[in-house]
Amino acid sequence: WREFEMLVGEAFRRQGYKVREIGL
């Protein structure tokens, strides 16, 4: 689950979002 959250966060980051990780 942690890798899945990291993957999703990185995908959004590559789309130009500033990503703040809460659930890691």
mmCIF file of all heavy atoms, coordinates in Angstrom:
data_MODEL
# 
_entry.id   MODEL 
# 
loop_
_atom_site.group_PDB 
_atom_site.id 
_atom_site.type_symbol 
_atom_site.label_atom_id 
_atom_site.label_alt_id 
_atom_site.label_comp_id 
_atom_site.label_asym_id 
_atom_site.label_entity_id 
_atom_site.label_seq_id 
_atom_site.pdbx_PDB_ins_code 
_atom_site.Cartn_x 
_atom_site.Cartn_y 
_atom_site.Cartn_z 
_atom_site.occupancy 
_atom_site.B_iso_or_equiv 
_atom_site.pdbx_formal_charge 
_atom_site.auth_seq_id 
_atom_site.auth_comp_id 
_atom_site.auth_asym_id 
_atom_site.auth_atom_id 
_atom_site.pdbx_PDB_model_num 
ATOM 1   N N   . TRP A 1 1  ? 0.816  -1.211 0.000   1.00 0.00 ? 1  TRP A N   1 
ATOM 2   C CA  . TRP A 1 1  ? 0.000  0.000  0.000   1.00 0.00 ? 1  TRP A CA  1 
ATOM 3   C C   . TRP A 1 1  ? 0.850  1.262  0.000   1.00 0.00 ? 1  TRP A C   1 
ATOM 4   O O   . TRP A 1 1  ? 0.483  2.273  -0.612  1.00 0.00 ? 1  TRP A O   1 
ATOM 5   C CB  . TRP A 1 1  ? -0.940 0.008  1.208   1.00 0.00 ? 1  TRP A CB  1 
ATOM 6   C CG  . TRP A 1 1  ? -0.258 0.034  2.538   1.00 0.00 ? 1  TRP A CG  1 
ATOM 7   C CD1 . TRP A 1 1  ? 0.076  -1.035 3.304   1.00 0.00 ? 1  TRP A CD1 1 
ATOM 8   C CD2 . TRP A 1 1  ? 0.188  1.186  3.248   1.00 0.00 ? 1  TRP A CD2 1 
ATOM 9   N NE1 . TRP A 1 1  ? 0.705  -0.630 4.454   1.00 0.00 ? 1  TRP A NE1 1 
ATOM 10  C CE2 . TRP A 1 1  ? 0.779  0.733  4.448   1.00 0.00 ? 1  TRP A CE2 1 
ATOM 11  C CE3 . TRP A 1 1  ? 0.132  2.553  2.992   1.00 0.00 ? 1  TRP A CE3 1 
ATOM 12  C CZ2 . TRP A 1 1  ? 1.331  1.613  5.384   1.00 0.00 ? 1  TRP A CZ2 1 
ATOM 13  C CZ3 . TRP A 1 1  ? 0.677  3.423  3.934   1.00 0.00 ? 1  TRP A CZ3 1 
ATOM 14  C CH2 . TRP A 1 1  ? 1.261  2.960  5.105   1.00 0.00 ? 1  TRP A CH2 1 
ATOM 15  N N   . ARG A 1 2  ? 2.026  1.222  0.662   1.00 0.00 ? 2  ARG A N   1 
ATOM 16  C CA  . ARG A 1 2  ? 2.872  2.407  0.707   1.00 0.00 ? 2  ARG A CA  1 
ATOM 17  C C   . ARG A 1 2  ? 3.435  2.717  -0.674  1.00 0.00 ? 2  ARG A C   1 
ATOM 18  O O   . ARG A 1 2  ? 3.472  3.880  -1.104  1.00 0.00 ? 2  ARG A O   1 
ATOM 19  C CB  . ARG A 1 2  ? 4.015  2.203  1.709   1.00 0.00 ? 2  ARG A CB  1 
ATOM 20  C CG  . ARG A 1 2  ? 4.843  3.465  1.931   1.00 0.00 ? 2  ARG A CG  1 
ATOM 21  C CD  . ARG A 1 2  ? 5.982  3.216  2.923   1.00 0.00 ? 2  ARG A CD  1 
ATOM 22  N NE  . ARG A 1 2  ? 6.627  4.466  3.292   1.00 0.00 ? 2  ARG A NE  1 
ATOM 23  C CZ  . ARG A 1 2  ? 7.538  5.076  2.547   1.00 0.00 ? 2  ARG A CZ  1 
ATOM 24  N NH1 . ARG A 1 2  ? 7.907  4.553  1.390   1.00 0.00 ? 2  ARG A NH1 1 
ATOM 25  N NH2 . ARG A 1 2  ? 8.082  6.224  2.949   1.00 0.00 ? 2  ARG A NH2 1 
ATOM 26  N N   . GLU A 1 3  ? 3.894  1.690  -1.387  1.00 0.00 ? 3  GLU A N   1 
ATOM 27  C CA  . GLU A 1 3  ? 4.405  1.898  -2.737  1.00 0.00 ? 3  GLU A CA  1 
ATOM 28  C C   . GLU A 1 3  ? 3.311  2.415  -3.660  1.00 0.00 ? 3  GLU A C   1 
ATOM 29  O O   . GLU A 1 3  ? 3.571  3.250  -4.540  1.00 0.00 ? 3  GLU A O   1 
ATOM 30  C CB  . GLU A 1 3  ? 4.990  0.589  -3.269  1.00 0.00 ? 3  GLU A CB  1 
ATOM 31  C CG  . GLU A 1 3  ? 6.265  0.158  -2.587  1.00 0.00 ? 3  GLU A CG  1 
ATOM 32  C CD  . GLU A 1 3  ? 6.742  -1.199 -3.074  1.00 0.00 ? 3  GLU A CD  1 
ATOM 33  O OE1 . GLU A 1 3  ? 5.910  -2.016 -3.503  1.00 0.00 ? 3  GLU A OE1 1 
ATOM 34  O OE2 . GLU A 1 3  ? 7.964  -1.434 -3.009  1.00 0.00 ? 3  GLU A OE2 1 
ATOM 35  N N   . PHE A 1 4  ? 2.082  1.911  -3.457  1.00 0.00 ? 4  PHE A N   1 
ATOM 36  C CA  . PHE A 1 4  ? 0.973  2.363  -4.286  1.00 0.00 ? 4  PHE A CA  1 
ATOM 37  C C   . PHE A 1 4  ? 0.727  3.858  -4.074  1.00 0.00 ? 4  PHE A C   1 
ATOM 38  O O   . PHE A 1 4  ? 0.536  4.610  -5.038  1.00 0.00 ? 4  PHE A O   1 
ATOM 39  C CB  . PHE A 1 4  ? -0.279 1.562  -3.944  1.00 0.00 ? 4  PHE A CB  1 
ATOM 40  C CG  . PHE A 1 4  ? -1.461 1.872  -4.824  1.00 0.00 ? 4  PHE A CG  1 
ATOM 41  C CD1 . PHE A 1 4  ? -1.461 1.514  -6.168  1.00 0.00 ? 4  PHE A CD1 1 
ATOM 42  C CD2 . PHE A 1 4  ? -2.572 2.520  -4.315  1.00 0.00 ? 4  PHE A CD2 1 
ATOM 43  C CE1 . PHE A 1 4  ? -2.544 1.790  -6.980  1.00 0.00 ? 4  PHE A CE1 1 
ATOM 44  C CE2 . PHE A 1 4  ? -3.661 2.803  -5.113  1.00 0.00 ? 4  PHE A CE2 1 
ATOM 45  C CZ  . PHE A 1 4  ? -3.649 2.441  -6.450  1.00 0.00 ? 4  PHE A CZ  1 
ATOM 46  N N   . GLU A 1 5  ? 0.745  4.310  -2.838  1.00 0.00 ? 5  GLU A N   1 
ATOM 47  C CA  . GLU A 1 5  ? 0.566  5.734  -2.563  1.00 0.00 ? 5  GLU A CA  1 
ATOM 48  C C   . GLU A 1 5  ? 1.707  6.561  -3.159  1.00 0.00 ? 5  GLU A C   1 
ATOM 49  O O   . GLU A 1 5  ? 1.495  7.653  -3.699  1.00 0.00 ? 5  GLU A O   1 
ATOM 50  C CB  . GLU A 1 5  ? 0.469  5.974  -1.058  1.00 0.00 ? 5  GLU A CB  1 
ATOM 51  C CG  . GLU A 1 5  ? -0.824 5.461  -0.450  1.00 0.00 ? 5  GLU A CG  1 
ATOM 52  C CD  . GLU A 1 5  ? -0.912 5.742  1.047   1.00 0.00 ? 5  GLU A CD  1 
ATOM 53  O OE1 . GLU A 1 5  ? -0.136 6.606  1.535   1.00 0.00 ? 5  GLU A OE1 1 
ATOM 54  O OE2 . GLU A 1 5  ? -1.744 5.116  1.723   1.00 0.00 ? 5  GLU A OE2 1 
ATOM 55  N N   . MET A 1 6  ? 2.930  6.042  -3.057  1.00 0.00 ? 6  MET A N   1 
ATOM 56  C CA  . MET A 1 6  ? 4.076  6.747  -3.634  1.00 0.00 ? 6  MET A CA  1 
ATOM 57  C C   . MET A 1 6  ? 3.948  6.864  -5.147  1.00 0.00 ? 6  MET A C   1 
ATOM 58  O O   . MET A 1 6  ? 4.245  7.911  -5.739  1.00 0.00 ? 6  MET A O   1 
ATOM 59  C CB  . MET A 1 6  ? 5.372  6.021  -3.276  1.00 0.00 ? 6  MET A CB  1 
ATOM 60  C CG  . MET A 1 6  ? 5.722  6.063  -1.807  1.00 0.00 ? 6  MET A CG  1 
ATOM 61  S SD  . MET A 1 6  ? 7.238  5.138  -1.408  1.00 0.00 ? 6  MET A SD  1 
ATOM 62  C CE  . MET A 1 6  ? 8.471  6.185  -2.166  1.00 0.00 ? 6  MET A CE  1 
ATOM 63  N N   . LEU A 1 7  ? 3.492  5.781  -5.788  1.00 0.00 ? 7  LEU A N   1 
ATOM 64  C CA  . LEU A 1 7  ? 3.297  5.796  -7.238  1.00 0.00 ? 7  LEU A CA  1 
ATOM 65  C C   . LEU A 1 7  ? 2.251  6.833  -7.638  1.00 0.00 ? 7  LEU A C   1 
ATOM 66  O O   . LEU A 1 7  ? 2.474  7.634  -8.554  1.00 0.00 ? 7  LEU A O   1 
ATOM 67  C CB  . LEU A 1 7  ? 2.860  4.407  -7.711  1.00 0.00 ? 7  LEU A CB  1 
ATOM 68  C CG  . LEU A 1 7  ? 2.406  4.327  -9.178  1.00 0.00 ? 7  LEU A CG  1 
ATOM 69  C CD1 . LEU A 1 7  ? 3.600  4.458  -10.107 1.00 0.00 ? 7  LEU A CD1 1 
ATOM 70  C CD2 . LEU A 1 7  ? 1.647  3.044  -9.443  1.00 0.00 ? 7  LEU A CD2 1 
ATOM 71  N N   . VAL A 1 8  ? 1.116  6.829  -6.954  1.00 0.00 ? 8  VAL A N   1 
ATOM 72  C CA  . VAL A 1 8  ? 0.050  7.774  -7.278  1.00 0.00 ? 8  VAL A CA  1 
ATOM 73  C C   . VAL A 1 8  ? 0.529  9.208  -7.061  1.00 0.00 ? 8  VAL A C   1 
ATOM 74  O O   . VAL A 1 8  ? 0.305  10.092 -7.900  1.00 0.00 ? 8  VAL A O   1 
ATOM 75  C CB  . VAL A 1 8  ? -1.202 7.485  -6.430  1.00 0.00 ? 8  VAL A CB  1 
ATOM 76  C CG1 . VAL A 1 8  ? -2.260 8.559  -6.652  1.00 0.00 ? 8  VAL A CG1 1 
ATOM 77  C CG2 . VAL A 1 8  ? -1.771 6.105  -6.782  1.00 0.00 ? 8  VAL A CG2 1 
ATOM 78  N N   . GLY A 1 9  ? 1.221  9.434  -5.950  1.00 0.00 ? 9  GLY A N   1 
ATOM 79  C CA  . GLY A 1 9  ? 1.737  10.776 -5.680  1.00 0.00 ? 9  GLY A CA  1 
ATOM 80  C C   . GLY A 1 9  ? 2.717  11.232 -6.740  1.00 0.00 ? 9  GLY A C   1 
ATOM 81  O O   . GLY A 1 9  ? 2.679  12.387 -7.184  1.00 0.00 ? 9  GLY A O   1 
ATOM 82  N N   . GLU A 1 10 ? 3.601  10.332 -7.184  1.00 0.00 ? 10 GLU A N   1 
ATOM 83  C CA  . GLU A 1 10 ? 4.576  10.701 -8.205  1.00 0.00 ? 10 GLU A CA  1 
ATOM 84  C C   . GLU A 1 10 ? 3.902  10.981 -9.545  1.00 0.00 ? 10 GLU A C   1 
ATOM 85  O O   . GLU A 1 10 ? 4.307  11.898 -10.277 1.00 0.00 ? 10 GLU A O   1 
ATOM 86  C CB  . GLU A 1 10 ? 5.612  9.584  -8.358  1.00 0.00 ? 10 GLU A CB  1 
ATOM 87  C CG  . GLU A 1 10 ? 6.734  9.893  -9.335  1.00 0.00 ? 10 GLU A CG  1 
ATOM 88  C CD  . GLU A 1 10 ? 7.605  11.058 -8.905  1.00 0.00 ? 10 GLU A CD  1 
ATOM 89  O OE1 . GLU A 1 10 ? 7.546  11.453 -7.710  1.00 0.00 ? 10 GLU A OE1 1 
ATOM 90  O OE2 . GLU A 1 10 ? 8.344  11.567 -9.762  1.00 0.00 ? 10 GLU A OE2 1 
ATOM 91  N N   . ALA A 1 11 ? 2.870  10.209 -9.865  1.00 0.00 ? 11 ALA A N   1 
ATOM 92  C CA  . ALA A 1 11 ? 2.138  10.451 -11.117 1.00 0.00 ? 11 ALA A CA  1 
ATOM 93  C C   . ALA A 1 11 ? 1.504  11.837 -11.116 1.00 0.00 ? 11 ALA A C   1 
ATOM 94  O O   . ALA A 1 11 ? 1.568  12.565 -12.108 1.00 0.00 ? 11 ALA A O   1 
ATOM 95  C CB  . ALA A 1 11 ? 1.076  9.370  -11.313 1.00 0.00 ? 11 ALA A CB  1 
ATOM 96  N N   . PHE A 1 12 ? 0.904  12.221 -9.992  1.00 0.00 ? 12 PHE A N   1 
ATOM 97  C CA  . PHE A 1 12 ? 0.319  13.561 -9.909  1.00 0.00 ? 12 PHE A CA  1 
ATOM 98  C C   . PHE A 1 12 ? 1.399  14.637 -9.909  1.00 0.00 ? 12 PHE A C   1 
ATOM 99  O O   . PHE A 1 12 ? 1.220  15.706 -10.493 1.00 0.00 ? 12 PHE A O   1 
ATOM 100 C CB  . PHE A 1 12 ? -0.544 13.688 -8.654  1.00 0.00 ? 12 PHE A CB  1 
ATOM 101 C CG  . PHE A 1 12 ? -1.896 13.036 -8.782  1.00 0.00 ? 12 PHE A CG  1 
ATOM 102 C CD1 . PHE A 1 12 ? -2.298 12.069 -7.869  1.00 0.00 ? 12 PHE A CD1 1 
ATOM 103 C CD2 . PHE A 1 12 ? -2.762 13.393 -9.798  1.00 0.00 ? 12 PHE A CD2 1 
ATOM 104 C CE1 . PHE A 1 12 ? -3.546 11.465 -7.987  1.00 0.00 ? 12 PHE A CE1 1 
ATOM 105 C CE2 . PHE A 1 12 ? -4.005 12.797 -9.921  1.00 0.00 ? 12 PHE A CE2 1 
ATOM 106 C CZ  . PHE A 1 12 ? -4.400 11.829 -9.013  1.00 0.00 ? 12 PHE A CZ  1 
ATOM 107 N N   . ARG A 1 13 ? 2.530  14.345 -9.282  1.00 0.00 ? 13 ARG A N   1 
ATOM 108 C CA  . ARG A 1 13 ? 3.629  15.312 -9.257  1.00 0.00 ? 13 ARG A CA  1 
ATOM 109 C C   . ARG A 1 13 ? 4.126  15.574 -10.676 1.00 0.00 ? 13 ARG A C   1 
ATOM 110 O O   . ARG A 1 13 ? 4.438  16.724 -11.038 1.00 0.00 ? 13 ARG A O   1 
ATOM 111 C CB  . ARG A 1 13 ? 4.757  14.783 -8.368  1.00 0.00 ? 13 ARG A CB  1 
ATOM 112 C CG  . ARG A 1 13 ? 5.844  15.796 -8.090  1.00 0.00 ? 13 ARG A CG  1 
ATOM 113 C CD  . ARG A 1 13 ? 6.870  15.240 -7.098  1.00 0.00 ? 13 ARG A CD  1 
ATOM 114 N NE  . ARG A 1 13 ? 6.332  15.181 -5.742  1.00 0.00 ? 13 ARG A NE  1 
ATOM 115 C CZ  . ARG A 1 13 ? 6.032  14.071 -5.099  1.00 0.00 ? 13 ARG A CZ  1 
ATOM 116 N NH1 . ARG A 1 13 ? 6.195  12.884 -5.686  1.00 0.00 ? 13 ARG A NH1 1 
ATOM 117 N NH2 . ARG A 1 13 ? 5.564  14.099 -3.862  1.00 0.00 ? 13 ARG A NH2 1 
ATOM 118 N N   . ARG A 1 14 ? 4.198  14.529 -11.487 1.00 0.00 ? 14 ARG A N   1 
ATOM 119 C CA  . ARG A 1 14 ? 4.639  14.699 -12.880 1.00 0.00 ? 14 ARG A CA  1 
ATOM 120 C C   . ARG A 1 14 ? 3.617  15.487 -13.700 1.00 0.00 ? 14 ARG A C   1 
ATOM 121 O O   . ARG A 1 14 ? 3.958  16.015 -14.760 1.00 0.00 ? 14 ARG A O   1 
ATOM 122 C CB  . ARG A 1 14 ? 4.851  13.331 -13.530 1.00 0.00 ? 14 ARG A CB  1 
ATOM 123 C CG  . ARG A 1 14 ? 5.917  12.460 -12.900 1.00 0.00 ? 14 ARG A CG  1 
ATOM 124 C CD  . ARG A 1 14 ? 7.312  12.972 -13.151 1.00 0.00 ? 14 ARG A CD  1 
ATOM 125 N NE  . ARG A 1 14 ? 8.316  12.102 -12.559 1.00 0.00 ? 14 ARG A NE  1 
ATOM 126 C CZ  . ARG A 1 14 ? 8.930  11.115 -13.223 1.00 0.00 ? 14 ARG A CZ  1 
ATOM 127 N NH1 . ARG A 1 14 ? 8.645  10.897 -14.498 1.00 0.00 ? 14 ARG A NH1 1 
ATOM 128 N NH2 . ARG A 1 14 ? 9.831  10.373 -12.623 1.00 0.00 ? 14 ARG A NH2 1 
ATOM 129 N N   . GLN A 1 15 ? 2.385  15.552 -13.220 1.00 0.00 ? 15 GLN A N   1 
ATOM 130 C CA  . GLN A 1 15 ? 1.361  16.343 -13.903 1.00 0.00 ? 15 GLN A CA  1 
ATOM 131 C C   . GLN A 1 15 ? 1.356  17.805 -13.460 1.00 0.00 ? 15 GLN A C   1 
ATOM 132 O O   . GLN A 1 15 ? 0.508  18.574 -13.894 1.00 0.00 ? 15 GLN A O   1 
ATOM 133 C CB  . GLN A 1 15 ? -0.025 15.734 -13.648 1.00 0.00 ? 15 GLN A CB  1 
ATOM 134 C CG  . GLN A 1 15 ? -0.247 14.393 -14.324 1.00 0.00 ? 15 GLN A CG  1 
ATOM 135 C CD  . GLN A 1 15 ? -1.659 13.885 -14.143 1.00 0.00 ? 15 GLN A CD  1 
ATOM 136 O OE1 . GLN A 1 15 ? -2.315 14.190 -13.150 1.00 0.00 ? 15 GLN A OE1 1 
ATOM 137 N NE2 . GLN A 1 15 ? -2.134 13.120 -15.112 1.00 0.00 ? 15 GLN A NE2 1 
ATOM 138 N N   . GLY A 1 16 ? 2.282  18.178 -12.614 1.00 0.00 ? 16 GLY A N   1 
ATOM 139 C CA  . GLY A 1 16 ? 2.397  19.577 -12.216 1.00 0.00 ? 16 GLY A CA  1 
ATOM 140 C C   . GLY A 1 16 ? 1.768  19.927 -10.891 1.00 0.00 ? 16 GLY A C   1 
ATOM 141 O O   . GLY A 1 16 ? 1.742  21.106 -10.508 1.00 0.00 ? 16 GLY A O   1 
ATOM 142 N N   . TYR A 1 17 ? 1.277  18.922 -10.155 1.00 0.00 ? 17 TYR A N   1 
ATOM 143 C CA  . TYR A 1 17 ? 0.707  19.183 -8.836  1.00 0.00 ? 17 TYR A CA  1 
ATOM 144 C C   . TYR A 1 17 ? 1.812  19.257 -7.782  1.00 0.00 ? 17 TYR A C   1 
ATOM 145 O O   . TYR A 1 17 ? 2.831  18.558 -7.883  1.00 0.00 ? 17 TYR A O   1 
ATOM 146 C CB  . TYR A 1 17 ? -0.259 18.069 -8.424  1.00 0.00 ? 17 TYR A CB  1 
ATOM 147 C CG  . TYR A 1 17 ? -1.547 18.035 -9.209  1.00 0.00 ? 17 TYR A CG  1 
ATOM 148 C CD1 . TYR A 1 17 ? -1.683 17.189 -10.307 1.00 0.00 ? 17 TYR A CD1 1 
ATOM 149 C CD2 . TYR A 1 17 ? -2.628 18.820 -8.839  1.00 0.00 ? 17 TYR A CD2 1 
ATOM 150 C CE1 . TYR A 1 17 ? -2.870 17.139 -11.026 1.00 0.00 ? 17 TYR A CE1 1 
ATOM 151 C CE2 . TYR A 1 17 ? -3.817 18.775 -9.543  1.00 0.00 ? 17 TYR A CE2 1 
ATOM 152 C CZ  . TYR A 1 17 ? -3.929 17.937 -10.641 1.00 0.00 ? 17 TYR A CZ  1 
ATOM 153 O OH  . TYR A 1 17 ? -5.102 17.889 -11.355 1.00 0.00 ? 17 TYR A OH  1 
ATOM 154 N N   . LYS A 1 18 ? 1.597  20.084 -6.790  1.00 0.00 ? 18 LYS A N   1 
ATOM 155 C CA  . LYS A 1 18 ? 2.407  20.033 -5.581  1.00 0.00 ? 18 LYS A CA  1 
ATOM 156 C C   . LYS A 1 18 ? 1.745  19.013 -4.670  1.00 0.00 ? 18 LYS A C   1 
ATOM 157 O O   . LYS A 1 18 ? 0.573  19.152 -4.325  1.00 0.00 ? 18 LYS A O   1 
ATOM 158 C CB  . LYS A 1 18 ? 2.464  21.404 -4.907  1.00 0.00 ? 18 LYS A CB  1 
ATOM 159 C CG  . LYS A 1 18 ? 3.322  21.428 -3.655  1.00 0.00 ? 18 LYS A CG  1 
ATOM 160 C CD  . LYS A 1 18 ? 3.355  22.814 -3.032  1.00 0.00 ? 18 LYS A CD  1 
ATOM 161 C CE  . LYS A 1 18 ? 4.179  22.818 -1.746  1.00 0.00 ? 18 LYS A CE  1 
ATOM 162 N NZ  . LYS A 1 18 ? 4.183  24.167 -1.117  1.00 0.00 ? 18 LYS A NZ  1 
ATOM 163 N N   . VAL A 1 19 ? 2.484  17.986 -4.282  1.00 0.00 ? 19 VAL A N   1 
ATOM 164 C CA  . VAL A 1 19 ? 1.916  16.836 -3.580  1.00 0.00 ? 19 VAL A CA  1 
ATOM 165 C C   . VAL A 1 19 ? 2.387  16.823 -2.135  1.00 0.00 ? 19 VAL A C   1 
ATOM 166 O O   . VAL A 1 19 ? 3.583  16.864 -1.855  1.00 0.00 ? 19 VAL A O   1 
ATOM 167 C CB  . VAL A 1 19 ? 2.312  15.514 -4.272  1.00 0.00 ? 19 VAL A CB  1 
ATOM 168 C CG1 . VAL A 1 19 ? 1.700  14.325 -3.541  1.00 0.00 ? 19 VAL A CG1 1 
ATOM 169 C CG2 . VAL A 1 19 ? 1.867  15.528 -5.735  1.00 0.00 ? 19 VAL A CG2 1 
ATOM 170 N N   . ARG A 1 20 ? 1.434  16.752 -1.239  1.00 0.00 ? 20 ARG A N   1 
ATOM 171 C CA  . ARG A 1 20 ? 1.733  16.581 0.184   1.00 0.00 ? 20 ARG A CA  1 
ATOM 172 C C   . ARG A 1 20 ? 1.233  15.208 0.605   1.00 0.00 ? 20 ARG A C   1 
ATOM 173 O O   . ARG A 1 20 ? 0.054  14.893 0.441   1.00 0.00 ? 20 ARG A O   1 
ATOM 174 C CB  . ARG A 1 20 ? 1.051  17.677 0.999   1.00 0.00 ? 20 ARG A CB  1 
ATOM 175 C CG  . ARG A 1 20 ? 1.290  17.557 2.500   1.00 0.00 ? 20 ARG A CG  1 
ATOM 176 C CD  . ARG A 1 20 ? 0.555  18.659 3.227   1.00 0.00 ? 20 ARG A CD  1 
ATOM 177 N NE  . ARG A 1 20 ? 0.446  18.387 4.648   1.00 0.00 ? 20 ARG A NE  1 
ATOM 178 C CZ  . ARG A 1 20 ? -0.463 18.917 5.439   1.00 0.00 ? 20 ARG A CZ  1 
ATOM 179 N NH1 . ARG A 1 20 ? -1.365 19.749 4.954   1.00 0.00 ? 20 ARG A NH1 1 
ATOM 180 N NH2 . ARG A 1 20 ? -0.490 18.622 6.719   1.00 0.00 ? 20 ARG A NH2 1 
ATOM 181 N N   . GLU A 1 21 ? 2.131  14.389 1.120   1.00 0.00 ? 21 GLU A N   1 
ATOM 182 C CA  . GLU A 1 21 ? 1.802  13.017 1.474   1.00 0.00 ? 21 GLU A CA  1 
ATOM 183 C C   . GLU A 1 21 ? 1.344  12.952 2.923   1.00 0.00 ? 21 GLU A C   1 
ATOM 184 O O   . GLU A 1 21 ? 2.061  13.354 3.828   1.00 0.00 ? 21 GLU A O   1 
ATOM 185 C CB  . GLU A 1 21 ? 3.006  12.113 1.226   1.00 0.00 ? 21 GLU A CB  1 
ATOM 186 C CG  . GLU A 1 21 ? 3.393  12.059 -0.247  1.00 0.00 ? 21 GLU A CG  1 
ATOM 187 C CD  . GLU A 1 21 ? 4.743  11.405 -0.467  1.00 0.00 ? 21 GLU A CD  1 
ATOM 188 O OE1 . GLU A 1 21 ? 5.552  11.415 0.482   1.00 0.00 ? 21 GLU A OE1 1 
ATOM 189 O OE2 . GLU A 1 21 ? 4.989  10.902 -1.568  1.00 0.00 ? 21 GLU A OE2 1 
ATOM 190 N N   . ILE A 1 22 ? 0.149  12.437 3.130   1.00 0.00 ? 22 ILE A N   1 
ATOM 191 C CA  . ILE A 1 22 ? -0.440 12.367 4.461   1.00 0.00 ? 22 ILE A CA  1 
ATOM 192 C C   . ILE A 1 22 ? -0.443 10.948 4.989   1.00 0.00 ? 22 ILE A C   1 
ATOM 193 O O   . ILE A 1 22 ? -0.131 10.682 6.139   1.00 0.00 ? 22 ILE A O   1 
ATOM 194 C CB  . ILE A 1 22 ? -1.892 12.905 4.451   1.00 0.00 ? 22 ILE A CB  1 
ATOM 195 C CG1 . ILE A 1 22 ? -1.902 14.368 4.004   1.00 0.00 ? 22 ILE A CG1 1 
ATOM 196 C CG2 . ILE A 1 22 ? -2.540 12.756 5.824   1.00 0.00 ? 22 ILE A CG2 1 
ATOM 197 C CD1 . ILE A 1 22 ? -1.174 15.313 4.934   1.00 0.00 ? 22 ILE A CD1 1 
ATOM 198 N N   . GLY A 1 23 ? -0.769 9.994  4.144   1.00 0.00 ? 23 GLY A N   1 
ATOM 199 C CA  . GLY A 1 23 ? -1.039 8.634  4.611   1.00 0.00 ? 23 GLY A CA  1 
ATOM 200 C C   . GLY A 1 23 ? 0.135  7.700  4.631   1.00 0.00 ? 23 GLY A C   1 
ATOM 201 O O   . GLY A 1 23 ? -0.032 6.531  4.933   1.00 0.00 ? 23 GLY A O   1 
ATOM 202 N N   . LEU A 1 24 ? 1.365  8.182  4.312   1.00 0.00 ? 24 LEU A N   1 
ATOM 203 C CA  . LEU A 1 24 ? 2.487  7.257  4.228   1.00 0.00 ? 24 LEU A CA  1 
ATOM 204 C C   . LEU A 1 24 ? 2.938  6.741  5.584   1.00 0.00 ? 24 LEU A C   1 
ATOM 205 O O   . LEU A 1 24 ? 3.751  5.844  5.675   1.00 0.00 ? 24 LEU A O   1 
ATOM 206 C CB  . LEU A 1 24 ? 3.668  7.929  3.515   1.00 0.00 ? 24 LEU A CB  1 
ATOM 207 C CG  . LEU A 1 24 ? 3.423  8.210  2.029   1.00 0.00 ? 24 LEU A CG  1 
ATOM 208 C CD1 . LEU A 1 24 ? 4.671  8.827  1.406   1.00 0.00 ? 24 LEU A CD1 1 
ATOM 209 C CD2 . LEU A 1 24 ? 3.055  6.948  1.282   1.00 0.00 ? 24 LEU A CD2 1 
# 
